[in-house]
Structures are given as structure tokens and as C-alpha cells.
Protein backbone atom coordinates (compact mmCIF):
# COMPACT_ATOMS: atom_id res chain seq x y z
CA MET A 1 52.38 48.96 50.24
CA ASP A 2 54.15 47.72 46.71
CA PRO A 3 54.16 51.02 44.28
CA GLY A 4 52.99 48.82 41.46
CA ASP A 5 49.89 47.89 43.55
CA ILE A 6 48.72 51.59 44.16
CA GLY A 7 45.72 52.10 42.04
CA GLU A 8 43.86 55.29 41.01
CA PRO A 9 43.66 58.32 43.72
CA LYS A 10 40.79 58.02 46.29
CA ASP A 11 40.06 61.53 46.06
CA GLY A 12 37.99 61.38 43.08
CA LEU A 13 39.06 64.27 41.39
CA GLY A 14 39.85 64.68 37.70
CA GLU A 15 42.91 65.75 36.09
CA SER A 16 42.04 69.08 35.35
CA THR A 17 40.73 69.71 39.04
CA ARG A 18 43.77 67.99 40.42
CA ALA A 19 46.14 70.17 37.97
CA LEU A 20 44.24 73.10 38.65
CA ARG A 21 45.03 72.67 42.56
CA ALA A 22 47.87 70.94 42.90
CA GLY A 23 50.57 72.49 45.47
CA LEU A 24 48.25 75.47 46.52
CA PRO A 25 48.42 76.43 50.18
CA GLU A 26 45.77 76.55 52.46
CA PRO A 27 43.79 79.53 52.33
CA VAL A 28 44.55 82.56 54.20
CA GLN A 29 42.17 85.52 54.83
CA PHE A 30 43.15 88.62 52.34
CA GLN A 31 46.02 86.73 50.97
CA PRO A 32 46.12 85.59 47.38
CA PRO A 33 45.16 82.13 46.89
CA PHE A 34 48.48 81.88 44.31
CA PRO A 35 51.47 83.38 46.44
CA GLY A 36 53.79 85.13 44.38
CA PRO A 37 57.66 84.39 43.53
CA VAL A 38 59.72 84.50 46.65
CA PHE A 39 63.29 86.44 45.59
CA THR A 40 65.68 85.90 48.66
CA SER A 41 69.14 84.50 49.15
CA HIS A 42 69.04 84.41 52.80
CA TYR A 43 66.36 84.06 55.55
CA HIS A 44 65.91 85.51 59.57
CA LEU A 45 67.64 82.91 61.33
CA ALA A 46 68.37 83.20 64.88
CA GLY A 47 69.70 80.40 66.81
CA ASP A 48 70.01 76.74 65.55
CA PRO A 49 69.12 76.13 61.73
CA THR A 50 66.22 74.17 62.57
CA GLY A 51 63.52 75.57 60.25
CA PRO A 52 62.10 74.78 56.89
CA TYR A 53 64.00 77.70 55.54
CA THR A 54 67.74 78.56 56.02
CA TYR A 55 69.38 79.35 53.09
CA GLY A 56 68.46 79.95 49.10
CA ARG A 57 70.19 77.31 47.19
CA ASP A 58 68.80 74.80 49.58
CA GLU A 59 65.26 76.12 50.13
CA ASN A 60 62.89 78.22 48.66
CA PRO A 61 58.74 78.86 49.53
CA THR A 62 58.18 78.95 45.60
CA TRP A 63 60.00 75.83 45.29
CA SER A 64 58.24 74.10 47.90
CA LEU A 65 54.93 74.93 46.33
CA LEU A 66 56.12 73.31 42.80
CA GLU A 67 57.66 70.57 44.31
CA ARG A 68 54.21 69.47 46.15
CA ALA A 69 52.32 70.20 43.15
CA THR A 70 54.58 68.16 40.92
CA ALA A 71 54.46 65.16 43.42
CA GLU A 72 50.53 65.39 43.63
CA LEU A 73 50.53 65.01 39.84
CA GLU A 74 53.16 62.17 39.41
CA SER A 75 51.86 60.03 42.50
CA PRO A 76 48.31 61.63 43.18
CA ALA A 77 47.61 57.98 45.12
CA ASP A 78 50.48 57.95 47.46
CA PRO A 79 51.07 60.83 49.94
CA ARG A 80 54.81 59.36 50.63
CA ALA A 81 55.94 60.67 47.11
CA GLN A 82 57.98 63.77 47.10
CA ALA A 83 59.57 66.01 44.28
CA LEU A 84 62.74 68.00 44.04
CA VAL A 85 62.82 70.65 41.20
CA PHE A 86 66.26 71.79 38.98
CA GLY A 87 67.33 74.19 37.02
CA SER A 88 66.88 72.06 33.95
CA GLY A 89 65.86 68.65 32.84
CA MET A 90 69.36 67.62 32.61
CA ALA A 91 70.26 69.01 36.12
CA ALA A 92 67.43 66.50 37.29
CA VAL A 93 68.89 63.35 35.06
CA SER A 94 72.80 64.21 36.02
CA ALA A 95 71.32 64.00 39.86
CA VAL A 96 69.75 60.57 40.02
CA LEU A 97 72.60 59.20 38.13
CA PHE A 98 75.52 60.71 39.89
CA SER A 99 74.01 60.73 43.40
CA GLN A 100 73.29 57.03 43.21
CA LEU A 101 76.18 55.77 41.26
CA ARG A 102 79.80 54.87 42.26
CA THR A 103 82.94 53.54 40.83
CA GLY A 104 82.65 50.19 40.15
CA ASP A 105 78.62 50.26 39.61
CA ALA A 106 76.95 49.56 36.61
CA VAL A 107 74.07 51.22 35.01
CA VAL A 108 71.75 50.34 32.33
CA LEU A 109 70.78 53.31 29.69
CA PRO A 110 68.84 53.36 26.42
CA SER A 111 70.81 53.37 23.36
CA ASP A 112 68.11 55.28 21.57
CA GLY A 113 67.48 58.09 24.06
CA TYR A 114 68.18 62.09 24.69
CA GLN A 115 70.66 63.11 22.75
CA ALA A 116 72.76 64.17 25.71
CA LEU A 117 72.89 60.92 27.19
CA PRO A 118 75.67 59.77 24.97
CA LEU A 119 77.61 62.90 26.96
CA VAL A 120 76.51 61.65 30.13
CA ARG A 121 77.94 58.12 29.17
CA GLU A 122 81.37 59.66 28.75
CA GLN A 123 81.04 61.14 31.97
CA LEU A 124 80.12 57.75 33.84
CA THR A 125 82.86 55.82 31.97
CA ALA A 126 85.50 58.35 33.52
CA TYR A 127 84.07 58.00 37.27
CA GLY A 128 84.65 54.75 36.88
CA ILE A 129 81.11 53.38 36.40
CA GLU A 130 80.11 50.47 33.74
CA VAL A 131 77.76 51.51 31.37
CA ARG A 132 75.52 49.05 29.35
CA THR A 133 73.13 49.99 26.68
CA ALA A 134 69.98 48.97 25.12
CA PRO A 135 67.12 49.64 22.53
CA THR A 136 64.33 50.95 24.31
CA GLY A 137 62.04 48.81 22.25
CA GLY A 138 61.92 44.79 22.46
CA GLY A 139 62.83 44.25 26.62
CA ALA A 140 66.49 43.68 26.08
CA GLN A 141 67.50 45.63 28.94
CA ARG A 142 66.55 42.11 31.09
CA ASP A 143 69.78 40.80 29.78
CA LEU A 144 71.72 43.66 31.19
CA LEU A 145 70.44 43.75 34.53
CA ASP A 146 72.76 41.27 36.56
CA GLY A 147 75.14 43.08 38.70
CA ALA A 148 73.73 46.61 37.79
CA ARG A 149 72.71 49.51 40.37
CA LEU A 150 70.43 51.07 38.26
CA LEU A 151 68.31 50.87 35.25
CA TRP A 152 67.30 54.16 33.23
CA LEU A 153 64.45 53.83 31.17
CA GLU A 154 62.80 56.73 28.45
CA THR A 155 59.80 55.74 27.50
CA PRO A 156 58.35 56.85 25.18
CA SER A 157 61.83 57.43 23.71
CA ASN A 158 63.14 60.73 22.31
CA PRO A 159 63.12 61.15 19.25
CA GLY A 160 62.22 57.50 17.98
CA LEU A 161 59.03 56.97 20.10
CA ASP A 162 59.41 54.01 21.08
CA VAL A 163 58.04 52.19 24.19
CA CYS A 164 59.15 49.97 26.98
CA ASP A 165 57.31 48.21 29.52
CA ILE A 166 57.66 49.80 32.83
CA ARG A 167 56.23 47.69 34.86
CA ALA A 168 57.43 44.49 33.81
CA LEU A 169 61.25 45.76 33.38
CA ALA A 170 60.32 46.96 36.78
CA GLU A 171 59.82 43.84 38.27
CA ALA A 172 62.68 42.01 36.61
CA ALA A 173 64.93 44.97 37.57
CA HIS A 174 63.98 44.73 41.44
CA ALA A 175 64.44 40.79 41.60
CA HIS A 176 67.99 41.32 40.77
CA GLY A 177 68.22 44.55 43.30
CA VAL A 178 68.47 47.01 40.62
CA LEU A 179 66.99 50.87 41.35
CA VAL A 180 64.72 51.96 38.03
CA ALA A 181 64.26 55.49 37.23
CA VAL A 182 62.29 56.57 34.36
CA ASP A 183 62.09 59.60 31.94
CA ASN A 184 58.63 60.69 31.82
CA THR A 185 59.17 64.03 29.87
CA LEU A 186 57.32 62.96 26.64
CA ALA A 187 54.62 61.73 28.23
CA THR A 188 54.13 63.87 31.34
CA PRO A 189 52.46 62.56 34.69
CA LEU A 190 49.14 63.12 32.92
CA GLY A 191 49.93 60.40 29.91
CA GLN A 192 52.13 58.31 32.21
CA ARG A 193 52.65 57.73 36.31
CA PRO A 194 55.98 55.74 36.41
CA LEU A 195 56.04 55.37 40.03
CA ASP A 196 52.45 53.74 39.92
CA LEU A 197 54.10 51.21 37.63
CA GLY A 198 57.03 50.18 39.80
CA ALA A 199 59.85 52.72 39.07
CA ASP A 200 61.85 54.27 42.24
CA PHE A 201 62.06 57.72 40.28
CA ALA A 202 60.52 59.70 37.99
CA VAL A 203 62.49 62.37 36.36
CA ALA A 204 61.54 64.89 33.51
CA ALA A 205 62.07 68.12 31.94
CA ALA A 206 59.50 70.31 33.09
CA THR A 207 60.68 72.62 30.23
CA LYS A 208 58.51 70.57 27.86
CA GLY A 209 55.15 69.64 28.13
CA LEU A 210 54.44 70.20 31.71
CA THR A 211 55.07 73.82 31.62
CA GLY A 212 53.75 73.91 27.77
CA HIS A 213 54.76 77.53 26.68
CA GLY A 214 58.65 77.34 25.87
CA ASP A 215 59.51 79.93 28.17
CA LEU A 216 61.54 78.46 31.20
CA LEU A 217 64.12 75.80 31.80
CA LEU A 218 63.39 73.37 34.48
CA GLY A 219 63.30 69.65 35.75
CA TYR A 220 62.09 67.67 38.22
CA VAL A 221 62.76 64.26 40.20
CA THR A 222 60.01 62.27 42.12
CA SER A 223 60.16 59.05 44.56
CA ARG A 224 57.89 57.57 47.01
CA ASP A 225 61.20 56.87 49.13
CA ALA A 226 62.63 59.58 50.86
CA ALA A 227 65.85 57.77 51.63
CA LEU A 228 66.43 57.28 48.06
CA LEU A 229 65.46 60.95 47.31
CA GLU A 230 67.83 62.40 49.92
CA PRO A 231 71.02 61.44 48.13
CA VAL A 232 69.54 63.51 44.97
CA ARG A 233 68.70 66.49 47.56
CA ARG A 234 72.22 66.74 48.70
CA TRP A 235 73.73 66.58 45.00
CA ARG A 236 71.44 69.49 44.28
CA LYS A 237 73.24 71.57 47.10
CA ILE A 238 76.76 70.70 46.18
CA VAL A 239 76.44 71.17 42.55
CA GLY A 240 73.52 74.22 43.07
CA ALA A 241 71.60 73.05 40.29
CA ILE A 242 68.60 74.87 41.44
CA PRO A 243 65.79 76.72 39.57
CA GLY A 244 65.35 80.51 39.48
CA PRO A 245 62.18 81.46 42.11
CA MET A 246 60.52 83.14 38.77
CA GLU A 247 60.79 79.91 36.86
CA ALA A 248 59.30 78.02 39.69
CA TRP A 249 56.44 80.14 40.04
CA LEU A 250 55.96 79.90 35.77
CA ALA A 251 56.21 76.66 36.04
CA HIS A 252 53.57 76.22 38.58
CA ARG A 253 51.28 79.05 36.94
CA SER A 254 51.55 76.84 34.18
CA LEU A 255 49.85 73.52 35.59
CA ALA A 256 46.88 75.23 35.93
CA THR A 257 46.02 74.72 32.28
CA LEU A 258 48.24 71.31 31.84
CA GLU A 259 45.21 69.07 31.62
CA LEU A 260 43.62 71.48 29.00
CA ARG A 261 46.75 71.75 26.90
CA HIS A 262 47.44 68.12 26.94
CA ALA A 263 44.37 66.59 26.24
CA ARG A 264 44.53 68.97 23.20
CA GLN A 265 47.87 68.61 21.93
CA CYS A 266 47.43 64.61 22.42
CA ALA A 267 44.11 64.65 20.27
CA ASN A 268 45.92 66.62 17.38
CA ALA A 269 48.89 64.54 17.50
CA LEU A 270 46.88 61.56 16.79
CA ALA A 271 44.57 63.49 13.73
CA LEU A 272 48.31 64.04 12.57
CA ALA A 273 49.63 61.04 12.70
CA GLU A 274 46.48 59.80 10.93
CA ALA A 275 46.71 62.13 8.35
CA LEU A 276 50.55 61.43 7.79
CA SER A 277 49.62 57.45 7.74
CA ALA A 278 47.73 57.97 4.22
CA ARG A 279 50.79 60.18 2.57
CA ALA A 280 53.19 57.59 0.60
CA GLU A 281 56.31 59.89 0.96
CA VAL A 282 56.06 59.35 4.35
CA SER A 283 57.86 56.55 5.75
CA GLY A 284 58.89 55.16 9.31
CA LEU A 285 55.83 56.88 10.96
CA ARG A 286 55.74 56.73 14.43
CA TYR A 287 52.95 57.68 17.29
CA PRO A 288 51.91 55.15 20.27
CA GLY A 289 48.39 56.06 19.66
CA LEU A 290 48.46 54.33 16.22
CA PRO A 291 46.91 51.11 16.52
CA ASP A 292 49.35 49.83 13.95
CA ASP A 293 52.48 51.43 15.56
CA PRO A 294 54.74 49.10 16.97
CA SER A 295 54.34 49.95 20.75
CA TYR A 296 50.91 50.44 20.73
CA ALA A 297 50.17 47.43 22.78
CA ILE A 298 52.03 48.30 25.26
CA ALA A 299 51.16 51.74 25.47
CA VAL A 300 47.81 51.35 25.92
CA ARG A 301 48.67 49.47 29.01
CA GLN A 302 50.97 52.09 30.79
CA MET A 303 49.83 55.41 29.25
CA ARG A 304 46.63 57.29 29.67
CA ARG A 305 47.62 59.70 26.75
CA PHE A 306 50.28 59.05 24.13
CA GLY A 307 52.01 62.37 24.01
CA SER A 308 52.39 65.36 21.58
CA VAL A 309 55.09 64.34 19.33
CA VAL A 310 54.82 62.58 16.39
CA SER A 311 57.84 61.57 14.35
CA PHE A 312 58.57 59.98 10.64
CA THR A 313 61.06 60.41 7.78
CA LEU A 314 60.90 62.14 4.15
CA GLY A 315 63.26 60.99 1.41
CA SER A 316 65.81 62.95 2.07
CA ARG A 317 67.54 65.78 4.07
CA ALA A 318 66.60 68.26 1.29
CA ARG A 319 62.92 67.00 1.25
CA ALA A 320 62.72 67.56 4.63
CA GLU A 321 64.37 70.86 4.62
CA ARG A 322 61.71 71.96 1.85
CA PHE A 323 58.87 70.57 4.03
CA LEU A 324 59.99 72.36 6.81
CA ALA A 325 60.32 75.77 5.33
CA ALA A 326 56.91 75.22 3.72
CA LEU A 327 54.90 75.21 7.06
CA ARG A 328 53.44 78.27 8.04
CA LEU A 329 51.90 77.44 11.37
CA VAL A 330 55.05 75.25 12.60
CA ASP A 331 57.77 77.05 13.94
CA GLU A 332 61.17 75.08 13.08
CA ALA A 333 62.75 74.57 16.16
CA THR A 334 64.29 72.20 18.84
CA SER A 335 62.43 71.04 22.08
CA PHE A 336 59.09 69.84 21.93
CA GLY A 337 55.92 69.85 24.24
CA GLY A 338 54.73 73.73 23.82
CA VAL A 339 51.58 74.55 22.89
CA ARG A 340 52.65 75.94 19.49
CA SER A 341 53.60 73.37 17.02
CA THR A 342 57.63 72.95 16.40
CA ALA A 343 59.46 70.50 14.17
CA GLU A 344 62.79 70.13 13.14
CA ARG A 345 64.98 67.74 11.14
CA ARG A 346 66.75 66.12 13.87
CA GLY A 347 69.56 64.97 12.07
CA ARG A 348 70.75 68.36 11.93
CA TRP A 349 72.47 67.91 15.28
CA GLY A 350 74.57 65.37 14.89
CA GLY A 351 73.83 63.12 18.40
CA ASP A 352 70.67 60.59 17.15
CA ALA A 353 70.62 57.99 15.03
CA VAL A 354 68.27 58.79 12.43
CA ALA A 355 68.02 59.14 9.03
CA GLU A 356 68.88 62.43 7.43
CA GLY A 357 65.08 63.05 6.27
CA PHE A 358 63.70 62.51 9.90
CA ILE A 359 61.31 65.20 11.22
CA ARG A 360 60.28 65.00 15.08
CA PHE A 361 56.99 67.19 15.17
CA SER A 362 56.16 68.55 18.42
CA VAL A 363 52.13 69.04 17.96
CA GLY A 364 50.99 72.23 19.39
CA ALA A 365 47.11 73.23 20.40
CA GLU A 366 46.10 74.75 17.10
CA ASP A 367 42.63 73.97 15.59
CA PRO A 368 43.57 70.41 14.29
CA GLN A 369 42.00 71.36 10.59
CA ASP A 370 44.21 74.34 10.57
CA LEU A 371 47.42 71.87 11.81
CA VAL A 372 47.01 69.32 9.40
CA ARG A 373 45.90 71.49 6.25
CA ASP A 374 48.94 73.04 6.70
CA VAL A 375 51.09 70.09 7.11
CA LEU A 376 49.36 68.38 4.05
CA ARG A 377 49.94 71.91 1.94
CA ALA A 378 53.56 71.76 3.02
CA LEU A 379 54.02 68.27 1.68
CA GLU A 380 52.28 68.79 -1.67
CA VAL A 381 54.82 72.08 -1.95
CA SER A 382 57.87 70.54 -1.04
CA SER A 383 57.53 67.46 -3.40
CA ALA A 384 58.38 69.41 -6.18
């Protein structure tokens, strides 16, 4: 079956129900419904190592439950889906890129993607891999597919929030024999399911919206093709890019509130974007859920929700810094997707092609009227 032909799950479960029960083991009399983390470096292992757990760097029961849960969320309609968890989002990104590419291969990367991608590009180039780049919006990736091995998409892009058509690009890539990986960090599997749209890999930093509490680092890779996933698993073993059992347990525990958090944060993000759209001092406002956003037409076709991040520009670095300092309910911090709103002047890192007054705003789960009031007040205070 072609992944793009797979429709909605046939179990009839809603998103909250699925998130609450994803990855849980079968009930066992007198045992807890959600097992605690397993802390071990080794297992009892007599004879040939044929069982599911042999060594702590390779397998852990706590990982297994989280991996099952992640696969169920990213691909609830297809039982072939499998997931691998990693110690961070970049560990997951690197595992796909460096396990699938060899010297002489070519890869297509977004020119406007996550800040660490230029570092990845340098390393790929050092290994003799040709790196081609194109912006997320506009479909320019199609022109770079000939002879490539892998197309890497990030949609919505971070921090610019451009959106590309996953299904159309996946079809074009596969026609050229090119694999497709999609960074699904910003959307989360409740907002977008790349595997359903034809991608070979869905990759994400679970650090962000999936776990949503800003208290752990974690990444994952999902695929419906076990053969494609096996080199990724081998790469994890070689470099030891594994999560701790406590982090994996906390991540799985966080899934119980994923739908509640995500629904509230996305609704709040839209409310904030609408409020900002009426402000004359705000320019370059981007949120895929706004009907006048350049990405809206594509976003409504492939996204169930539009995410919790809003980006915009104030006039200058000084103005942006005054605005951030005036906020009372919003922490000035990097990262995104948490239940507490955060914002930052993204240009302070120097790695993104953004204006000095560009702000990436991660919308939390506060009462929307309180958040919007705080932002509007900070705009007024910072105008002086």
C-alpha cells in the first residue's frame, strides 16, 4: 500500500483518547497501568542473546513503550510504523542523515531551516556529500532532486514558519528515486502526519511540543519501512545517541496531556496572531493558520492544526528587546512548544537569516485573554 493512500485510523479513537493510551502495555493484575522507568545497563542473559533486551545501550523497556506510543501517534493508520528514540532532536536528525548518506551522494536541505542545519551541512560536505539547498516555500526543491539520495523538509520551517507541500514534493522525490524525511517538530503528530503524506521518515525533537514541559531533551525517528529504519538503529548503537530511561519515561508520561496542551496552545497562537495582525508596528507576521498568511493554502491541506509558534518583526533590535523585557507572562528563552509562553529575539544567535527585530514567540497554555493583554501592553510600553 502506498503511504499516501492511507487514510484516517479505523479504530475510531479521538486524538485525546489515543494520546492517553498510546504505548501502554496490556493490563497485568496487581501491576501499575503505567510502569516506572527501568534503570539498568545490562540484563540477565544466559546463552545466546536472542531476547528483546541484551544491553542498555541497545534496548530498554522504557524506550520500547515510548517508541510504540510515538509510532502510534505519527502513524495510527498503519501498524508497520516503528519509532526509535534518541537523546535529543539533533541526535535523531543526524542519525537519519548520516546513516542514509555516503560519500558521493547528494542531499537537498532547506536553506531556511533550523539553526543547527548549517553545521550539519559543513559536516556532510566534509564527508564528500553534495549539499543542495532551497527555501521551504515555493517548491524550489523539485529543481534539485535529480541525482539526489535524500530530500530533507522542515515544515513549518523554524523560525520563519514557511510551509511546503509534503505530498507533492514526496511524489516528485520518489519519481526520482529520492528518499524523503520531514522534520515534524513544530507541528507535532497531532498537527501533521508526514508519513501519511508520503514521507519515508518523520523526525522530531520531542524536546519541544510533544513533551511540552521544557524539562527534557529527546528526539525520535519514525518510518513504515523497517529496512530503512535499520541503518538508523545501527547509527544510534554506534554513536550511543540514546535517551536516559528517566527522560523516556517523562516523555511518555507527558503524552497523556498532549492533545489538551496542543489544542489550547494552537488556539492561543491563532488568537495572538490575530491580535498582532491589527498592530501597525508589527511587520512580517507569520502564522500558517491566518487566512492571509502566504502558506495558508498549503497548510490547510496537510495540517490538522497550525502549531504554537508565531513569528513577527518589530522595528529594530532595541525595540524588540524593550518589548521582550516588558512581558510579564512570557519568559525570554529559546526553544518552543512548552506550556509556558516563551519568546526571543532570534537574531541574537547569529545563525538565522532574520532581521534584528525578528521575534519567535512560542505560545503556551495560559488563558488567552491574559496572554494577549500582556503582549499588547508590552507593545505599548516598548513603543516609547
